[in-house]
Amino acid sequence: MKYMIASDIHGSALYARKMAEAFRREEADRLILLGDLLYHGPRNDLPEGYAPKEVISLLNGLKDRIFCVRGNCEAEVDQMVLQFPVLADYALLEWKGRIIFLTHGHLYNLQHPPLLQPGDILLHGHTHIPAEETWGRENLYWNPGSIALPKAGSSHSYMILDEKGPAWKELK
């Protein structure tokens, strides 16, 4: 199974289109979205190409291939317009005998980690900064960065996860 993992679209139709193009180009089986799909939130400027209704249409066109968790900018009304589940605070994915705890990052993160077994993986967005590090007792932390609003000098980015492991990629 090949996964494309992305976070923090924040309503940018421009970057959502680029993400969808990368998803097709990568020939991934599933698109995992780590929240903050439609809105920019009060702490962020409007992203380039801000058009949430276009993002809705684009994501609904991929609904059968999306696996998603809720970000801090998601609201219950978003579930009324998106045709795939978006309100779970976390999800679990098994990969190579490890559990990957998928979440946005505003509830569970390195400062407030979920209960995981040694070797399990915490995967979240929210910071808008790509990351890969070891923490706790042999646990891994991964962050794909942000599709639309990268921070700390990082680029617009996503991750690919397949049998070879994780790979961070710049969105073009």
N, C-alpha and C. Protein backbone atom coordinates (compact mmCIF):
# COMPACT_ATOMS: atom_id res chain seq x y z
N MET A 1 0.85 -1.18 0.00
CA MET A 1 0.00 0.00 0.00
C MET A 1 0.90 1.24 0.00
N LYS A 2 0.54 2.18 -0.83
CA LYS A 2 1.28 3.44 -0.90
C LYS A 2 0.34 4.56 -0.47
N TYR A 3 0.80 5.34 0.53
CA TYR A 3 0.01 6.44 1.06
C TYR A 3 0.67 7.77 0.72
N MET A 4 -0.14 8.74 0.35
CA MET A 4 0.31 10.12 0.29
C MET A 4 -0.30 10.81 1.50
N ILE A 5 0.51 11.53 2.27
CA ILE A 5 0.07 12.14 3.51
C ILE A 5 0.27 13.65 3.41
N ALA A 6 -0.82 14.39 3.66
CA ALA A 6 -0.77 15.85 3.53
C ALA A 6 -1.55 16.48 4.67
N SER A 7 -1.25 17.75 4.93
CA SER A 7 -1.91 18.46 6.02
C SER A 7 -2.02 19.94 5.69
N ASP A 8 -2.94 20.58 6.35
CA ASP A 8 -3.02 22.04 6.38
C ASP A 8 -3.17 22.67 4.99
N ILE A 9 -4.26 22.30 4.32
CA ILE A 9 -4.61 22.91 3.03
C ILE A 9 -5.17 24.31 3.25
N HIS A 10 -5.89 24.51 4.31
CA HIS A 10 -6.43 25.81 4.72
C HIS A 10 -7.19 26.53 3.62
N GLY A 11 -7.97 25.78 2.83
CA GLY A 11 -8.86 26.41 1.84
C GLY A 11 -8.19 26.87 0.56
N SER A 12 -6.93 26.55 0.35
CA SER A 12 -6.24 26.99 -0.86
C SER A 12 -6.55 26.04 -2.03
N ALA A 13 -7.37 26.53 -2.96
CA ALA A 13 -7.67 25.73 -4.16
C ALA A 13 -6.41 25.55 -5.00
N LEU A 14 -5.56 26.56 -5.05
CA LEU A 14 -4.31 26.46 -5.80
C LEU A 14 -3.48 25.28 -5.32
N TYR A 15 -3.24 25.19 -4.01
CA TYR A 15 -2.41 24.11 -3.49
C TYR A 15 -3.15 22.79 -3.39
N ALA A 16 -4.47 22.83 -3.24
CA ALA A 16 -5.25 21.59 -3.28
C ALA A 16 -5.16 20.95 -4.66
N ARG A 17 -5.20 21.77 -5.71
CA ARG A 17 -5.04 21.22 -7.07
C ARG A 17 -3.65 20.61 -7.25
N LYS A 18 -2.63 21.31 -6.77
CA LYS A 18 -1.27 20.79 -6.88
C LYS A 18 -1.14 19.48 -6.09
N MET A 19 -1.81 19.41 -4.93
CA MET A 19 -1.79 18.19 -4.13
C MET A 19 -2.46 17.04 -4.89
N ALA A 20 -3.61 17.32 -5.51
CA ALA A 20 -4.32 16.29 -6.28
C ALA A 20 -3.47 15.82 -7.46
N GLU A 21 -2.78 16.74 -8.12
CA GLU A 21 -1.88 16.36 -9.22
C GLU A 21 -0.75 15.48 -8.71
N ALA A 22 -0.17 15.83 -7.56
CA ALA A 22 0.90 15.01 -6.98
C ALA A 22 0.37 13.63 -6.60
N PHE A 23 -0.85 13.58 -6.06
CA PHE A 23 -1.46 12.30 -5.69
C PHE A 23 -1.57 11.39 -6.91
N ARG A 24 -2.01 11.94 -8.03
CA ARG A 24 -2.10 11.14 -9.25
C ARG A 24 -0.71 10.75 -9.76
N ARG A 25 0.20 11.70 -9.75
CA ARG A 25 1.57 11.45 -10.23
C ARG A 25 2.27 10.39 -9.37
N GLU A 26 2.06 10.43 -8.07
CA GLU A 26 2.68 9.47 -7.16
C GLU A 26 2.05 8.08 -7.26
N GLU A 27 0.87 8.01 -7.87
CA GLU A 27 0.12 6.75 -7.99
C GLU A 27 -0.08 6.10 -6.62
N ALA A 28 -0.42 6.93 -5.64
CA ALA A 28 -0.69 6.44 -4.29
C ALA A 28 -2.07 5.78 -4.24
N ASP A 29 -2.21 4.83 -3.32
CA ASP A 29 -3.49 4.14 -3.15
C ASP A 29 -4.48 4.96 -2.32
N ARG A 30 -3.96 5.66 -1.33
CA ARG A 30 -4.80 6.45 -0.43
C ARG A 30 -4.17 7.81 -0.18
N LEU A 31 -5.03 8.79 0.06
CA LEU A 31 -4.61 10.13 0.45
C LEU A 31 -5.02 10.32 1.91
N ILE A 32 -4.04 10.43 2.79
CA ILE A 32 -4.30 10.67 4.20
C ILE A 32 -4.18 12.17 4.46
N LEU A 33 -5.26 12.77 4.96
CA LEU A 33 -5.28 14.20 5.26
C LEU A 33 -5.32 14.39 6.77
N LEU A 34 -4.40 15.21 7.27
CA LEU A 34 -4.26 15.41 8.71
C LEU A 34 -4.92 16.71 9.19
N GLY A 35 -5.99 17.10 8.53
CA GLY A 35 -6.82 18.19 9.02
C GLY A 35 -6.49 19.57 8.50
N ASP A 36 -7.32 20.53 8.92
CA ASP A 36 -7.30 21.92 8.48
C ASP A 36 -7.44 22.00 6.96
N LEU A 37 -8.58 21.53 6.50
CA LEU A 37 -8.84 21.40 5.07
C LEU A 37 -9.36 22.69 4.43
N LEU A 38 -10.37 23.33 5.05
CA LEU A 38 -11.11 24.38 4.35
C LEU A 38 -10.84 25.81 4.83
N TYR A 39 -10.48 25.99 6.07
CA TYR A 39 -10.39 27.35 6.60
C TYR A 39 -8.98 27.68 7.07
N HIS A 40 -8.66 28.98 7.05
CA HIS A 40 -7.31 29.41 7.38
C HIS A 40 -7.11 29.65 8.87
N GLY A 41 -8.16 29.87 9.62
CA GLY A 41 -8.04 30.11 11.05
C GLY A 41 -7.60 31.53 11.35
N PRO A 42 -7.82 32.00 12.57
CA PRO A 42 -7.53 33.39 12.91
C PRO A 42 -6.05 33.73 13.02
N ARG A 43 -5.18 32.71 13.15
CA ARG A 43 -3.75 32.99 13.30
C ARG A 43 -3.00 33.03 11.98
N ASN A 44 -3.65 32.62 10.90
CA ASN A 44 -2.98 32.55 9.60
C ASN A 44 -3.53 33.59 8.65
N ASP A 45 -2.68 34.08 7.78
CA ASP A 45 -3.14 34.90 6.67
C ASP A 45 -3.87 34.00 5.68
N LEU A 46 -4.66 34.61 4.82
CA LEU A 46 -5.30 33.83 3.76
C LEU A 46 -4.23 33.23 2.87
N PRO A 47 -4.33 31.92 2.58
CA PRO A 47 -3.35 31.33 1.69
C PRO A 47 -3.62 31.75 0.24
N GLU A 48 -2.60 31.67 -0.56
CA GLU A 48 -2.74 31.96 -1.99
C GLU A 48 -3.80 31.04 -2.58
N GLY A 49 -4.70 31.60 -3.38
CA GLY A 49 -5.75 30.81 -4.03
C GLY A 49 -6.85 30.37 -3.08
N TYR A 50 -7.11 31.14 -2.04
CA TYR A 50 -8.13 30.77 -1.06
C TYR A 50 -9.50 30.69 -1.72
N ALA A 51 -10.05 29.49 -1.75
CA ALA A 51 -11.36 29.24 -2.36
C ALA A 51 -11.91 27.93 -1.79
N PRO A 52 -12.41 27.94 -0.56
CA PRO A 52 -12.86 26.71 0.09
C PRO A 52 -13.88 25.90 -0.71
N LYS A 53 -14.78 26.56 -1.44
CA LYS A 53 -15.78 25.81 -2.21
C LYS A 53 -15.11 24.98 -3.31
N GLU A 54 -14.05 25.50 -3.90
CA GLU A 54 -13.31 24.72 -4.90
C GLU A 54 -12.59 23.54 -4.25
N VAL A 55 -12.06 23.77 -3.04
CA VAL A 55 -11.40 22.68 -2.31
C VAL A 55 -12.41 21.59 -1.99
N ILE A 56 -13.61 21.96 -1.58
CA ILE A 56 -14.68 21.00 -1.30
C ILE A 56 -14.92 20.12 -2.53
N SER A 57 -15.10 20.74 -3.67
CA SER A 57 -15.36 20.00 -4.90
C SER A 57 -14.21 19.06 -5.25
N LEU A 58 -13.00 19.56 -5.16
CA LEU A 58 -11.83 18.75 -5.49
C LEU A 58 -11.72 17.55 -4.55
N LEU A 59 -11.83 17.78 -3.23
CA LEU A 59 -11.72 16.68 -2.27
C LEU A 59 -12.86 15.68 -2.41
N ASN A 60 -14.07 16.16 -2.63
CA ASN A 60 -15.20 15.23 -2.82
C ASN A 60 -14.99 14.34 -4.04
N GLY A 61 -14.28 14.84 -5.04
CA GLY A 61 -13.96 14.02 -6.21
C GLY A 61 -13.00 12.88 -5.89
N LEU A 62 -12.30 12.97 -4.76
CA LEU A 62 -11.36 11.93 -4.32
C LEU A 62 -11.87 11.16 -3.11
N LYS A 63 -13.14 11.35 -2.75
CA LYS A 63 -13.69 10.87 -1.48
C LYS A 63 -13.47 9.39 -1.21
N ASP A 64 -13.44 8.55 -2.23
CA ASP A 64 -13.27 7.11 -2.03
C ASP A 64 -11.83 6.73 -1.70
N ARG A 65 -10.92 7.68 -1.82
CA ARG A 65 -9.50 7.37 -1.59
C ARG A 65 -8.91 8.17 -0.44
N ILE A 66 -9.77 8.96 0.25
CA ILE A 66 -9.30 9.83 1.35
C ILE A 66 -9.58 9.18 2.70
N PHE A 67 -8.59 9.31 3.57
CA PHE A 67 -8.67 8.93 4.97
C PHE A 67 -8.27 10.18 5.74
N CYS A 68 -9.12 10.68 6.66
CA CYS A 68 -8.91 12.02 7.21
C CYS A 68 -9.14 12.07 8.71
N VAL A 69 -8.40 12.96 9.38
CA VAL A 69 -8.67 13.30 10.78
C VAL A 69 -8.96 14.79 10.87
N ARG A 70 -9.57 15.17 11.96
CA ARG A 70 -10.03 16.55 12.19
C ARG A 70 -8.89 17.45 12.63
N GLY A 71 -8.83 18.63 12.04
CA GLY A 71 -7.88 19.65 12.48
C GLY A 71 -8.55 20.64 13.41
N ASN A 72 -7.77 21.56 13.95
CA ASN A 72 -8.35 22.56 14.85
C ASN A 72 -9.20 23.59 14.11
N CYS A 73 -9.13 23.64 12.79
CA CYS A 73 -9.97 24.57 12.01
C CYS A 73 -11.22 23.90 11.44
N GLU A 74 -11.39 22.60 11.63
CA GLU A 74 -12.59 21.92 11.15
C GLU A 74 -13.76 22.21 12.09
N ALA A 75 -14.95 22.30 11.51
CA ALA A 75 -16.18 22.49 12.28
C ALA A 75 -17.19 21.45 11.81
N GLU A 76 -18.20 21.23 12.61
CA GLU A 76 -19.21 20.25 12.25
C GLU A 76 -19.87 20.56 10.92
N VAL A 77 -19.97 21.82 10.57
CA VAL A 77 -20.58 22.19 9.30
C VAL A 77 -19.76 21.67 8.12
N ASP A 78 -18.45 21.50 8.32
CA ASP A 78 -17.61 20.96 7.24
C ASP A 78 -18.05 19.57 6.83
N GLN A 79 -18.51 18.77 7.82
CA GLN A 79 -18.97 17.43 7.50
C GLN A 79 -20.23 17.46 6.63
N MET A 80 -20.96 18.56 6.67
CA MET A 80 -22.16 18.68 5.85
C MET A 80 -21.83 18.84 4.37
N VAL A 81 -20.63 19.34 4.06
CA VAL A 81 -20.27 19.59 2.65
C VAL A 81 -19.22 18.62 2.13
N LEU A 82 -18.49 17.96 3.03
CA LEU A 82 -17.48 16.98 2.59
C LEU A 82 -18.08 15.59 2.67
N GLN A 83 -17.85 14.79 1.66
CA GLN A 83 -18.50 13.49 1.51
C GLN A 83 -17.64 12.34 2.01
N PHE A 84 -16.75 12.61 2.94
CA PHE A 84 -15.94 11.59 3.60
C PHE A 84 -15.79 12.04 5.05
N PRO A 85 -15.56 11.12 5.99
CA PRO A 85 -15.47 11.50 7.40
C PRO A 85 -14.30 12.45 7.67
N VAL A 86 -14.58 13.53 8.42
CA VAL A 86 -13.55 14.52 8.74
C VAL A 86 -13.49 14.89 10.22
N LEU A 87 -14.29 14.26 11.07
CA LEU A 87 -14.41 14.73 12.45
C LEU A 87 -13.74 13.84 13.50
N ALA A 88 -12.99 12.83 13.12
CA ALA A 88 -12.28 11.99 14.09
C ALA A 88 -11.03 12.72 14.58
N ASP A 89 -10.82 12.73 15.88
CA ASP A 89 -9.64 13.39 16.44
C ASP A 89 -8.35 12.61 16.16
N TYR A 90 -8.48 11.31 15.93
CA TYR A 90 -7.32 10.51 15.59
C TYR A 90 -7.77 9.24 14.88
N ALA A 91 -6.82 8.58 14.28
CA ALA A 91 -7.06 7.28 13.64
C ALA A 91 -5.77 6.47 13.80
N LEU A 92 -5.90 5.16 13.67
CA LEU A 92 -4.76 4.27 13.77
C LEU A 92 -4.54 3.56 12.45
N LEU A 93 -3.30 3.41 12.10
CA LEU A 93 -2.92 2.73 10.87
C LEU A 93 -1.78 1.78 11.21
N GLU A 94 -1.84 0.54 10.73
CA GLU A 94 -0.75 -0.41 10.96
C GLU A 94 0.19 -0.35 9.78
N TRP A 95 1.48 -0.30 10.07
CA TRP A 95 2.50 -0.26 9.01
C TRP A 95 3.73 -1.01 9.51
N LYS A 96 4.06 -2.09 8.83
CA LYS A 96 5.25 -2.89 9.16
C LYS A 96 5.30 -3.29 10.63
N GLY A 97 4.16 -3.71 11.17
CA GLY A 97 4.10 -4.15 12.55
C GLY A 97 4.08 -3.03 13.58
N ARG A 98 4.03 -1.80 13.13
CA ARG A 98 3.97 -0.65 14.03
C ARG A 98 2.60 0.01 13.93
N ILE A 99 2.19 0.66 14.98
CA ILE A 99 0.97 1.48 14.94
C ILE A 99 1.39 2.90 14.61
N ILE A 100 0.69 3.50 13.66
CA ILE A 100 0.86 4.91 13.38
C ILE A 100 -0.38 5.62 13.93
N PHE A 101 -0.15 6.54 14.84
CA PHE A 101 -1.22 7.33 15.44
C PHE A 101 -1.34 8.60 14.61
N LEU A 102 -2.42 8.69 13.82
CA LEU A 102 -2.67 9.83 12.94
C LEU A 102 -3.54 10.85 13.67
N THR A 103 -3.10 12.08 13.70
CA THR A 103 -3.88 13.13 14.35
C THR A 103 -3.45 14.47 13.75
N HIS A 104 -4.17 15.53 14.07
CA HIS A 104 -3.78 16.83 13.52
C HIS A 104 -2.58 17.42 14.25
N GLY A 105 -2.56 17.30 15.57
CA GLY A 105 -1.43 17.80 16.34
C GLY A 105 -1.80 18.84 17.38
N HIS A 106 -3.03 19.31 17.37
CA HIS A 106 -3.43 20.30 18.37
C HIS A 106 -3.86 19.66 19.69
N LEU A 107 -4.27 18.41 19.67
CA LEU A 107 -4.65 17.69 20.89
C LEU A 107 -3.54 16.74 21.34
N TYR A 108 -3.03 15.94 20.41
CA TYR A 108 -1.95 14.99 20.68
C TYR A 108 -0.72 15.45 19.91
N ASN A 109 0.40 15.54 20.62
CA ASN A 109 1.65 15.99 20.00
C ASN A 109 2.80 15.56 20.92
N LEU A 110 4.00 16.01 20.66
CA LEU A 110 5.14 15.60 21.48
C LEU A 110 5.04 16.11 22.92
N GLN A 111 4.37 17.23 23.14
CA GLN A 111 4.18 17.74 24.50
C GLN A 111 3.03 17.02 25.22
N HIS A 112 2.07 16.52 24.46
CA HIS A 112 0.93 15.77 24.99
C HIS A 112 0.75 14.51 24.14
N PRO A 113 1.64 13.54 24.28
CA PRO A 113 1.59 12.37 23.40
C PRO A 113 0.49 11.39 23.78
N PRO A 114 0.02 10.65 22.79
CA PRO A 114 -0.90 9.55 23.09
C PRO A 114 -0.12 8.39 23.70
N LEU A 115 -0.83 7.44 24.28
CA LEU A 115 -0.18 6.24 24.79
C LEU A 115 0.18 5.35 23.62
N LEU A 116 1.45 5.14 23.42
CA LEU A 116 1.94 4.30 22.34
C LEU A 116 2.92 3.29 22.89
N GLN A 117 3.07 2.19 22.19
CA GLN A 117 4.08 1.19 22.54
C GLN A 117 5.42 1.62 21.96
N PRO A 118 6.52 1.15 22.55
CA PRO A 118 7.84 1.46 21.96
C PRO A 118 7.87 1.07 20.48
N GLY A 119 8.39 1.96 19.67
CA GLY A 119 8.48 1.71 18.23
C GLY A 119 7.32 2.26 17.43
N ASP A 120 6.22 2.62 18.10
CA ASP A 120 5.08 3.18 17.37
C ASP A 120 5.38 4.60 16.92
N ILE A 121 4.51 5.14 16.07
CA ILE A 121 4.77 6.39 15.37
C ILE A 121 3.64 7.39 15.63
N LEU A 122 4.02 8.61 15.97
CA LEU A 122 3.08 9.73 16.06
C LEU A 122 3.21 10.54 14.78
N LEU A 123 2.13 10.66 14.04
CA LEU A 123 2.13 11.39 12.77
C LEU A 123 1.09 12.49 12.85
N HIS A 124 1.57 13.73 12.79
CA HIS A 124 0.61 14.85 12.81
C HIS A 124 1.12 16.02 11.99
N GLY A 125 0.19 16.92 11.66
CA GLY A 125 0.48 18.16 10.96
C GLY A 125 0.52 19.30 11.97
N HIS A 126 -0.29 20.32 11.75
CA HIS A 126 -0.55 21.43 12.66
C HIS A 126 0.59 22.44 12.76
N THR A 127 1.83 22.02 12.84
CA THR A 127 2.94 22.97 13.00
C THR A 127 3.33 23.61 11.68
N HIS A 128 2.95 22.98 10.56
CA HIS A 128 3.29 23.45 9.21
C HIS A 128 4.78 23.31 8.92
N ILE A 129 5.47 22.48 9.69
CA ILE A 129 6.91 22.28 9.53
C ILE A 129 7.18 20.79 9.38
N PRO A 130 7.79 20.35 8.28
CA PRO A 130 8.12 18.92 8.13
C PRO A 130 9.07 18.47 9.24
N ALA A 131 8.87 17.24 9.70
CA ALA A 131 9.73 16.74 10.77
C ALA A 131 9.82 15.22 10.74
N GLU A 132 10.96 14.74 11.20
CA GLU A 132 11.19 13.32 11.45
C GLU A 132 12.17 13.24 12.60
N GLU A 133 11.73 12.66 13.71
CA GLU A 133 12.63 12.53 14.85
C GLU A 133 12.21 11.37 15.72
N THR A 134 13.13 10.95 16.57
CA THR A 134 12.87 9.90 17.54
C THR A 134 12.54 10.57 18.87
N TRP A 135 11.60 9.97 19.60
CA TRP A 135 11.19 10.50 20.90
C TRP A 135 10.79 9.35 21.80
N GLY A 136 10.67 9.63 23.08
CA GLY A 136 10.20 8.61 24.02
C GLY A 136 11.06 7.36 23.98
N ARG A 137 10.40 6.23 24.06
CA ARG A 137 11.09 4.93 24.05
C ARG A 137 11.06 4.35 22.64
N GLU A 138 11.96 4.82 21.82
CA GLU A 138 12.10 4.30 20.45
C GLU A 138 10.92 4.64 19.55
N ASN A 139 10.18 5.68 19.90
CA ASN A 139 9.06 6.09 19.07
C ASN A 139 9.54 7.08 18.02
N LEU A 140 8.78 7.18 16.95
CA LEU A 140 9.08 8.13 15.89
C LEU A 140 8.00 9.19 15.83
N TYR A 141 8.41 10.39 15.44
CA TYR A 141 7.47 11.48 15.17
C TYR A 141 7.70 11.93 13.74
N TRP A 142 6.61 11.97 12.97
CA TRP A 142 6.66 12.43 11.59
C TRP A 142 5.65 13.56 11.40
N ASN A 143 6.00 14.52 10.56
CA ASN A 143 5.10 15.61 10.20
C ASN A 143 5.33 15.91 8.73
N PRO A 144 4.27 15.91 7.91
CA PRO A 144 4.45 16.16 6.47
C PRO A 144 4.67 17.63 6.13
N GLY A 145 4.51 18.53 7.10
CA GLY A 145 4.56 19.96 6.81
C GLY A 145 3.18 20.43 6.35
N SER A 146 3.14 21.51 5.60
CA SER A 146 1.87 22.08 5.15
C SER A 146 1.82 22.16 3.63
N ILE A 147 0.67 21.83 3.10
CA ILE A 147 0.44 21.98 1.66
C ILE A 147 0.41 23.46 1.28
N ALA A 148 -0.30 24.29 2.06
CA ALA A 148 -0.57 25.67 1.64
C ALA A 148 0.17 26.76 2.42
N LEU A 149 0.46 26.54 3.69
CA LEU A 149 1.03 27.58 4.52
C LEU A 149 2.27 27.08 5.28
N PRO A 150 3.35 26.77 4.58
CA PRO A 150 4.54 26.28 5.27
C PRO A 150 5.12 27.35 6.19
N LYS A 151 5.76 26.91 7.26
CA LYS A 151 6.36 27.83 8.23
C LYS A 151 7.83 27.48 8.46
N ALA A 152 8.53 28.39 9.12
CA ALA A 152 9.94 28.23 9.50
C ALA A 152 10.84 27.99 8.29
N GLY A 153 10.51 28.62 7.17
CA GLY A 153 11.34 28.51 5.98
C GLY A 153 11.20 27.20 5.22
N SER A 154 10.25 26.36 5.62
CA SER A 154 10.04 25.09 4.90
C SER A 154 9.27 25.34 3.61
N SER A 155 9.25 24.34 2.76
CA SER A 155 8.54 24.46 1.49
C SER A 155 7.15 23.80 1.60
N HIS A 156 6.31 24.07 0.63
CA HIS A 156 5.02 23.39 0.51
C HIS A 156 5.35 21.90 0.35
N SER A 157 4.84 21.06 1.27
CA SER A 157 5.33 19.68 1.28
C SER A 157 4.25 18.68 1.65
N TYR A 158 4.59 17.41 1.37
CA TYR A 158 3.77 16.25 1.71
C TYR A 158 4.71 15.08 1.94
N MET A 159 4.14 13.96 2.35
CA MET A 159 4.92 12.74 2.57
C MET A 159 4.36 11.62 1.71
N ILE A 160 5.22 10.69 1.38
CA ILE A 160 4.84 9.41 0.80
C ILE A 160 5.27 8.34 1.78
N LEU A 161 4.40 7.39 2.05
CA LEU A 161 4.74 6.26 2.90
C LEU A 161 4.40 4.98 2.14
N ASP A 162 5.41 4.16 1.93
CA ASP A 162 5.20 2.86 1.30
C ASP A 162 6.08 1.84 1.99
N GLU A 163 6.28 0.69 1.38
CA GLU A 163 7.06 -0.37 2.02
C GLU A 163 8.52 0.03 2.25
N LYS A 164 9.03 1.00 1.51
CA LYS A 164 10.41 1.47 1.69
C LYS A 164 10.55 2.41 2.88
N GLY A 165 9.46 3.00 3.32
CA GLY A 165 9.50 3.95 4.43
C GLY A 165 8.98 5.30 4.02
N PRO A 166 9.15 6.29 4.90
CA PRO A 166 8.63 7.63 4.60
C PRO A 166 9.58 8.42 3.72
N ALA A 167 9.00 9.29 2.89
CA ALA A 167 9.78 10.21 2.07
C ALA A 167 9.04 11.54 2.04
N TRP A 168 9.75 12.62 2.35
CA TRP A 168 9.18 13.96 2.31
C TRP A 168 9.43 14.55 0.94
N LYS A 169 8.40 15.19 0.39
CA LYS A 169 8.52 15.73 -0.95
C LYS A 169 7.99 17.15 -1.00
N GLU A 170 8.62 17.94 -1.87
CA GLU A 170 8.17 19.31 -2.09
C GLU A 170 7.02 19.29 -3.08
N LEU A 171 5.98 20.04 -2.78
CA LEU A 171 4.83 20.15 -3.67
C LEU A 171 5.19 21.09 -4.81
N LYS A 172 5.04 20.64 -6.03
CA LYS A 172 5.39 21.46 -7.20
C LYS A 172 4.18 21.74 -8.04
